[in-house]
Amino acid sequence: MFGKDFSTFGYAPLLYDCLRQARLELMDGDVDLFGDGSVRVISTPGHTPGHCSLLVRLAGSGAVLLSGDAAHDRYNMAHRCVPTMNASAEATLTSMERIAAIVDAERAQLWLNHDTAQSAGLAHAPAYFD
């Protein structure tokens, strides 16, 4: 997003220039952020090569998997629809399968980033999930 060809990928560095000085930690694969399983970064490439999702374990609500752009909505997830703009259709499909397996294994809620109908049914600030 800061490379010489940023516009080819739809980036506009002026919108996030403050990130140039941000502390950065590169990750490869899944990462347990606190070492206790409460917040895990899950590697879900496909939309972009380094795309990640986030698995959060909440005391009251249980596990929630925040999908990012791994799938845009419930229809896309259920039917394994891959947007043509994704970096890799094959990696996207593999990530969708992985997400489905994690949701099943963790009995997690799956929150899909662009699913407006799902979002309308979720609490928004100042409300919260515990």
N, C-alpha and C. Protein backbone atom coordinates (compact mmCIF):
# COMPACT_ATOMS: atom_id res chain seq x y z
N MET A 1 0.81 -1.21 0.00
CA MET A 1 0.00 0.00 0.00
C MET A 1 0.85 1.26 0.00
N PHE A 2 2.15 1.12 0.27
CA PHE A 2 3.05 2.26 0.17
C PHE A 2 4.01 2.13 -1.01
N GLY A 3 3.87 1.08 -1.81
CA GLY A 3 4.75 0.86 -2.95
C GLY A 3 4.51 1.85 -4.06
N LYS A 4 5.39 1.83 -5.05
CA LYS A 4 5.30 2.78 -6.15
C LYS A 4 4.05 2.57 -7.00
N ASP A 5 3.50 1.35 -6.99
CA ASP A 5 2.32 1.07 -7.81
C ASP A 5 1.04 0.98 -6.97
N PHE A 6 0.98 1.73 -5.87
CA PHE A 6 -0.16 1.68 -4.94
C PHE A 6 -1.50 1.90 -5.63
N SER A 7 -1.56 2.78 -6.62
CA SER A 7 -2.84 3.09 -7.27
C SER A 7 -3.38 1.91 -8.07
N THR A 8 -2.49 1.05 -8.54
CA THR A 8 -2.90 -0.16 -9.26
C THR A 8 -3.82 -1.02 -8.39
N PHE A 9 -3.59 -0.95 -7.08
CA PHE A 9 -4.34 -1.77 -6.14
C PHE A 9 -5.44 -0.99 -5.43
N GLY A 10 -5.68 0.25 -5.85
CA GLY A 10 -6.76 1.05 -5.29
C GLY A 10 -6.41 1.78 -4.01
N TYR A 11 -5.13 1.88 -3.67
CA TYR A 11 -4.73 2.55 -2.43
C TYR A 11 -4.52 4.05 -2.66
N ALA A 12 -4.70 4.81 -1.59
CA ALA A 12 -4.46 6.25 -1.60
C ALA A 12 -3.69 6.60 -0.34
N PRO A 13 -2.36 6.57 -0.37
CA PRO A 13 -1.53 6.74 0.81
C PRO A 13 -1.83 7.98 1.66
N LEU A 14 -2.34 9.02 1.08
CA LEU A 14 -2.67 10.20 1.89
C LEU A 14 -3.73 9.90 2.94
N LEU A 15 -4.56 8.89 2.70
CA LEU A 15 -5.62 8.54 3.65
C LEU A 15 -5.09 7.82 4.88
N TYR A 16 -3.88 7.26 4.82
CA TYR A 16 -3.35 6.50 5.95
C TYR A 16 -1.85 6.75 6.13
N ASP A 17 -1.40 7.93 5.75
CA ASP A 17 0.02 8.26 5.83
C ASP A 17 0.58 8.11 7.24
N CYS A 18 -0.27 8.31 8.27
CA CYS A 18 0.19 8.19 9.65
C CYS A 18 0.67 6.77 9.96
N LEU A 19 0.29 5.80 9.16
CA LEU A 19 0.72 4.42 9.39
C LEU A 19 2.19 4.18 9.03
N ARG A 20 2.78 5.10 8.29
CA ARG A 20 4.19 4.94 7.92
C ARG A 20 5.07 4.83 9.16
N GLN A 21 4.68 5.49 10.24
CA GLN A 21 5.48 5.49 11.46
C GLN A 21 4.94 4.54 12.52
N ALA A 22 3.91 3.78 12.19
CA ALA A 22 3.30 2.88 13.17
C ALA A 22 4.23 1.72 13.50
N ARG A 23 4.12 1.25 14.74
CA ARG A 23 4.88 0.06 15.13
C ARG A 23 4.29 -1.13 14.37
N LEU A 24 5.12 -1.95 13.83
CA LEU A 24 4.70 -3.02 12.95
C LEU A 24 5.29 -4.34 13.42
N GLU A 25 4.46 -5.36 13.45
CA GLU A 25 4.94 -6.72 13.75
C GLU A 25 4.44 -7.63 12.63
N LEU A 26 5.36 -8.19 11.90
CA LEU A 26 4.99 -9.09 10.81
C LEU A 26 4.63 -10.45 11.38
N MET A 27 3.59 -11.05 10.82
CA MET A 27 3.14 -12.36 11.27
C MET A 27 3.16 -13.31 10.09
N ASP A 28 3.39 -14.56 10.38
CA ASP A 28 3.34 -15.59 9.36
C ASP A 28 2.48 -16.71 9.89
N GLY A 29 1.32 -16.91 9.29
CA GLY A 29 0.40 -17.94 9.78
C GLY A 29 -0.44 -17.43 10.94
N ASP A 30 -0.97 -18.34 11.73
CA ASP A 30 -1.82 -17.98 12.87
C ASP A 30 -0.96 -17.47 14.02
N VAL A 31 -1.56 -16.55 14.80
CA VAL A 31 -0.84 -16.00 15.95
C VAL A 31 -1.83 -15.89 17.11
N ASP A 32 -1.43 -16.43 18.27
CA ASP A 32 -2.18 -16.28 19.51
C ASP A 32 -1.64 -15.01 20.17
N LEU A 33 -2.39 -13.92 20.10
CA LEU A 33 -1.86 -12.62 20.49
C LEU A 33 -1.46 -12.50 21.96
N PHE A 34 -2.19 -13.14 22.86
CA PHE A 34 -1.88 -13.02 24.28
C PHE A 34 -1.38 -14.32 24.89
N GLY A 35 -1.26 -15.38 24.08
CA GLY A 35 -0.76 -16.65 24.56
C GLY A 35 -1.75 -17.45 25.37
N ASP A 36 -3.02 -16.99 25.43
CA ASP A 36 -4.02 -17.70 26.23
C ASP A 36 -5.23 -18.15 25.42
N GLY A 37 -5.17 -17.99 24.11
CA GLY A 37 -6.26 -18.40 23.24
C GLY A 37 -7.44 -17.45 23.19
N SER A 38 -7.37 -16.33 23.90
CA SER A 38 -8.51 -15.41 23.93
C SER A 38 -8.66 -14.59 22.66
N VAL A 39 -7.57 -14.31 21.99
CA VAL A 39 -7.59 -13.55 20.73
C VAL A 39 -6.56 -14.17 19.80
N ARG A 40 -7.06 -14.75 18.71
CA ARG A 40 -6.16 -15.41 17.76
C ARG A 40 -6.33 -14.80 16.37
N VAL A 41 -5.23 -14.44 15.76
CA VAL A 41 -5.23 -14.04 14.36
C VAL A 41 -5.18 -15.34 13.56
N ILE A 42 -6.11 -15.47 12.61
CA ILE A 42 -6.23 -16.67 11.80
C ILE A 42 -5.88 -16.31 10.35
N SER A 43 -4.90 -16.96 9.82
CA SER A 43 -4.50 -16.71 8.43
C SER A 43 -5.58 -17.20 7.49
N THR A 44 -6.13 -16.29 6.69
CA THR A 44 -7.18 -16.62 5.72
C THR A 44 -6.90 -15.91 4.38
N PRO A 45 -5.78 -16.25 3.74
CA PRO A 45 -5.44 -15.58 2.48
C PRO A 45 -6.45 -15.88 1.38
N GLY A 46 -6.42 -15.03 0.40
CA GLY A 46 -7.30 -15.20 -0.76
C GLY A 46 -7.78 -13.85 -1.25
N HIS A 47 -8.46 -13.12 -0.37
CA HIS A 47 -8.87 -11.76 -0.74
C HIS A 47 -7.62 -10.97 -1.08
N THR A 48 -6.64 -11.06 -0.20
CA THR A 48 -5.29 -10.55 -0.43
C THR A 48 -4.34 -11.65 0.04
N PRO A 49 -3.07 -11.62 -0.37
CA PRO A 49 -2.15 -12.67 0.05
C PRO A 49 -2.01 -12.80 1.57
N GLY A 50 -2.02 -11.72 2.30
CA GLY A 50 -1.82 -11.77 3.74
C GLY A 50 -3.08 -11.59 4.56
N HIS A 51 -4.24 -11.75 3.96
CA HIS A 51 -5.50 -11.52 4.67
C HIS A 51 -5.61 -12.40 5.91
N CYS A 52 -6.16 -11.82 6.96
CA CYS A 52 -6.35 -12.53 8.22
C CYS A 52 -7.76 -12.29 8.74
N SER A 53 -8.22 -13.23 9.56
CA SER A 53 -9.47 -13.10 10.30
C SER A 53 -9.10 -13.11 11.78
N LEU A 54 -10.06 -12.88 12.65
CA LEU A 54 -9.78 -12.77 14.07
C LEU A 54 -10.77 -13.61 14.86
N LEU A 55 -10.27 -14.52 15.66
CA LEU A 55 -11.10 -15.35 16.54
C LEU A 55 -10.96 -14.80 17.95
N VAL A 56 -12.09 -14.37 18.51
CA VAL A 56 -12.11 -13.77 19.84
C VAL A 56 -13.00 -14.62 20.73
N ARG A 57 -12.53 -14.93 21.93
CA ARG A 57 -13.34 -15.67 22.91
C ARG A 57 -13.82 -14.68 23.96
N LEU A 58 -15.14 -14.48 24.00
CA LEU A 58 -15.74 -13.55 24.95
C LEU A 58 -16.37 -14.32 26.10
N ALA A 59 -16.30 -13.76 27.30
CA ALA A 59 -16.78 -14.45 28.50
C ALA A 59 -18.25 -14.82 28.40
N GLY A 60 -19.09 -13.90 27.95
CA GLY A 60 -20.52 -14.15 27.90
C GLY A 60 -21.03 -14.65 26.56
N SER A 61 -20.46 -14.16 25.48
CA SER A 61 -20.95 -14.48 24.14
C SER A 61 -20.27 -15.69 23.52
N GLY A 62 -19.17 -16.13 24.09
CA GLY A 62 -18.43 -17.26 23.53
C GLY A 62 -17.53 -16.83 22.39
N ALA A 63 -17.20 -17.77 21.53
CA ALA A 63 -16.28 -17.51 20.43
C ALA A 63 -16.98 -16.77 19.30
N VAL A 64 -16.27 -15.77 18.76
CA VAL A 64 -16.75 -15.01 17.61
C VAL A 64 -15.60 -14.95 16.61
N LEU A 65 -15.88 -15.33 15.38
CA LEU A 65 -14.87 -15.25 14.32
C LEU A 65 -15.23 -14.07 13.42
N LEU A 66 -14.37 -13.07 13.42
CA LEU A 66 -14.53 -11.89 12.57
C LEU A 66 -13.81 -12.18 11.26
N SER A 67 -14.57 -12.28 10.19
CA SER A 67 -14.04 -12.81 8.93
C SER A 67 -13.26 -11.84 8.08
N GLY A 68 -13.33 -10.55 8.40
CA GLY A 68 -12.71 -9.60 7.48
C GLY A 68 -13.34 -9.72 6.12
N ASP A 69 -12.54 -9.89 5.09
CA ASP A 69 -13.05 -10.03 3.72
C ASP A 69 -12.90 -11.45 3.19
N ALA A 70 -12.82 -12.44 4.07
CA ALA A 70 -12.70 -13.83 3.62
C ALA A 70 -13.95 -14.24 2.83
N ALA A 71 -15.09 -13.74 3.25
CA ALA A 71 -16.36 -13.92 2.51
C ALA A 71 -17.18 -12.66 2.81
N HIS A 72 -17.84 -12.13 1.82
CA HIS A 72 -18.54 -10.86 2.02
C HIS A 72 -19.85 -10.98 2.77
N ASP A 73 -20.59 -12.05 2.57
CA ASP A 73 -21.87 -12.19 3.26
C ASP A 73 -22.21 -13.67 3.38
N ARG A 74 -23.34 -13.96 4.02
CA ARG A 74 -23.71 -15.36 4.25
C ARG A 74 -23.92 -16.14 2.95
N TYR A 75 -24.48 -15.51 1.95
CA TYR A 75 -24.68 -16.19 0.66
C TYR A 75 -23.33 -16.59 0.07
N ASN A 76 -22.40 -15.63 0.01
CA ASN A 76 -21.07 -15.92 -0.54
C ASN A 76 -20.39 -17.05 0.23
N MET A 77 -20.53 -17.03 1.55
CA MET A 77 -19.90 -18.06 2.36
C MET A 77 -20.56 -19.42 2.11
N ALA A 78 -21.88 -19.46 2.14
CA ALA A 78 -22.60 -20.72 1.97
C ALA A 78 -22.37 -21.35 0.60
N HIS A 79 -22.26 -20.50 -0.43
CA HIS A 79 -22.13 -21.00 -1.81
C HIS A 79 -20.70 -20.91 -2.33
N ARG A 80 -19.80 -20.51 -1.45
CA ARG A 80 -18.37 -20.39 -1.78
C ARG A 80 -18.15 -19.54 -3.02
N CYS A 81 -18.81 -18.39 -3.04
CA CYS A 81 -18.65 -17.43 -4.15
C CYS A 81 -17.39 -16.60 -3.90
N VAL A 82 -16.55 -16.50 -4.88
CA VAL A 82 -15.30 -15.75 -4.78
C VAL A 82 -15.38 -14.52 -5.67
N PRO A 83 -15.22 -13.32 -5.10
CA PRO A 83 -15.21 -12.11 -5.93
C PRO A 83 -14.06 -12.15 -6.94
N THR A 84 -14.31 -11.64 -8.12
CA THR A 84 -13.28 -11.67 -9.17
C THR A 84 -12.07 -10.80 -8.82
N MET A 85 -12.24 -9.85 -7.91
CA MET A 85 -11.12 -8.97 -7.55
C MET A 85 -10.15 -9.61 -6.57
N ASN A 86 -10.50 -10.76 -5.98
CA ASN A 86 -9.63 -11.41 -5.00
C ASN A 86 -8.31 -11.80 -5.63
N ALA A 87 -7.28 -11.81 -4.82
CA ALA A 87 -5.94 -12.14 -5.29
C ALA A 87 -5.84 -13.59 -5.75
N SER A 88 -6.54 -14.50 -5.06
CA SER A 88 -6.47 -15.92 -5.42
C SER A 88 -7.80 -16.61 -5.10
N ALA A 89 -8.46 -17.09 -6.13
CA ALA A 89 -9.72 -17.82 -5.93
C ALA A 89 -9.46 -19.11 -5.15
N GLU A 90 -8.40 -19.82 -5.48
CA GLU A 90 -8.08 -21.07 -4.80
C GLU A 90 -7.82 -20.85 -3.31
N ALA A 91 -7.02 -19.84 -2.98
CA ALA A 91 -6.73 -19.55 -1.58
C ALA A 91 -8.00 -19.09 -0.85
N THR A 92 -8.85 -18.34 -1.53
CA THR A 92 -10.11 -17.89 -0.93
C THR A 92 -10.97 -19.09 -0.56
N LEU A 93 -11.11 -20.04 -1.47
CA LEU A 93 -11.93 -21.22 -1.20
C LEU A 93 -11.34 -22.05 -0.05
N THR A 94 -10.04 -22.18 -0.01
CA THR A 94 -9.39 -22.90 1.09
C THR A 94 -9.65 -22.18 2.40
N SER A 95 -9.58 -20.86 2.41
CA SER A 95 -9.83 -20.09 3.62
C SER A 95 -11.28 -20.19 4.06
N MET A 96 -12.22 -20.19 3.10
CA MET A 96 -13.63 -20.35 3.46
C MET A 96 -13.86 -21.70 4.13
N GLU A 97 -13.23 -22.75 3.60
CA GLU A 97 -13.35 -24.08 4.20
C GLU A 97 -12.74 -24.08 5.60
N ARG A 98 -11.63 -23.42 5.75
CA ARG A 98 -10.98 -23.34 7.07
C ARG A 98 -11.85 -22.60 8.07
N ILE A 99 -12.43 -21.51 7.64
CA ILE A 99 -13.33 -20.74 8.51
C ILE A 99 -14.51 -21.60 8.95
N ALA A 100 -15.11 -22.30 8.01
CA ALA A 100 -16.25 -23.16 8.34
C ALA A 100 -15.85 -24.22 9.37
N ALA A 101 -14.66 -24.80 9.21
CA ALA A 101 -14.18 -25.81 10.16
C ALA A 101 -13.94 -25.21 11.54
N ILE A 102 -13.38 -24.02 11.60
CA ILE A 102 -13.14 -23.35 12.88
C ILE A 102 -14.46 -23.00 13.56
N VAL A 103 -15.41 -22.49 12.80
CA VAL A 103 -16.73 -22.15 13.35
C VAL A 103 -17.36 -23.39 13.96
N ASP A 104 -17.28 -24.51 13.26
CA ASP A 104 -17.84 -25.76 13.78
C ASP A 104 -17.10 -26.23 15.02
N ALA A 105 -15.78 -26.26 14.96
CA ALA A 105 -14.98 -26.77 16.08
C ALA A 105 -15.11 -25.91 17.33
N GLU A 106 -15.19 -24.60 17.14
CA GLU A 106 -15.25 -23.66 18.26
C GLU A 106 -16.68 -23.31 18.67
N ARG A 107 -17.65 -23.79 17.86
CA ARG A 107 -19.05 -23.39 18.05
C ARG A 107 -19.15 -21.86 18.09
N ALA A 108 -18.46 -21.27 17.14
CA ALA A 108 -18.32 -19.80 17.09
C ALA A 108 -19.41 -19.16 16.25
N GLN A 109 -19.71 -17.93 16.60
CA GLN A 109 -20.51 -17.08 15.73
C GLN A 109 -19.58 -16.60 14.62
N LEU A 110 -20.08 -16.52 13.41
CA LEU A 110 -19.29 -16.01 12.29
C LEU A 110 -19.87 -14.66 11.90
N TRP A 111 -19.07 -13.63 12.07
CA TRP A 111 -19.50 -12.28 11.68
C TRP A 111 -18.83 -11.96 10.35
N LEU A 112 -19.66 -11.70 9.35
CA LEU A 112 -19.18 -11.44 8.00
C LEU A 112 -19.18 -9.94 7.74
N ASN A 113 -18.04 -9.44 7.39
CA ASN A 113 -17.77 -8.01 7.32
C ASN A 113 -18.76 -7.19 6.50
N HIS A 114 -19.20 -7.70 5.37
CA HIS A 114 -20.06 -6.91 4.48
C HIS A 114 -21.52 -7.37 4.49
N ASP A 115 -21.88 -8.21 5.44
CA ASP A 115 -23.25 -8.72 5.50
C ASP A 115 -24.12 -7.71 6.24
N THR A 116 -24.77 -6.82 5.49
CA THR A 116 -25.55 -5.74 6.11
C THR A 116 -26.74 -6.27 6.90
N ALA A 117 -27.35 -7.33 6.43
CA ALA A 117 -28.48 -7.90 7.17
C ALA A 117 -28.01 -8.46 8.51
N GLN A 118 -26.89 -9.16 8.51
CA GLN A 118 -26.35 -9.68 9.76
C GLN A 118 -25.96 -8.53 10.69
N SER A 119 -25.30 -7.55 10.16
CA SER A 119 -24.87 -6.40 10.96
C SER A 119 -26.03 -5.68 11.61
N ALA A 120 -27.14 -5.58 10.90
CA ALA A 120 -28.32 -4.91 11.45
C ALA A 120 -28.84 -5.61 12.70
N GLY A 121 -28.59 -6.90 12.84
CA GLY A 121 -29.05 -7.66 13.99
C GLY A 121 -28.06 -7.70 15.14
N LEU A 122 -26.90 -7.07 14.98
CA LEU A 122 -25.89 -7.06 16.03
C LEU A 122 -25.92 -5.74 16.80
N ALA A 123 -25.51 -5.80 18.04
CA ALA A 123 -25.41 -4.59 18.86
C ALA A 123 -24.31 -3.69 18.30
N HIS A 124 -24.55 -2.39 18.33
CA HIS A 124 -23.55 -1.41 17.90
C HIS A 124 -23.27 -0.46 19.05
N ALA A 125 -22.10 0.17 19.02
CA ALA A 125 -21.70 1.09 20.08
C ALA A 125 -22.81 2.12 20.32
N PRO A 126 -23.08 2.43 21.57
CA PRO A 126 -22.30 2.09 22.76
C PRO A 126 -22.63 0.73 23.36
N ALA A 127 -23.53 -0.02 22.80
CA ALA A 127 -23.77 -1.38 23.29
C ALA A 127 -22.53 -2.23 23.00
N TYR A 128 -22.43 -3.38 23.61
CA TYR A 128 -21.26 -4.22 23.41
C TYR A 128 -21.60 -5.68 23.69
N PHE A 129 -20.69 -6.54 23.31
CA PHE A 129 -20.79 -7.98 23.58
C PHE A 129 -19.79 -8.30 24.67
N ASP A 130 -20.16 -9.16 25.58
CA ASP A 130 -19.20 -9.54 26.62
C ASP A 130 -18.82 -10.99 26.51
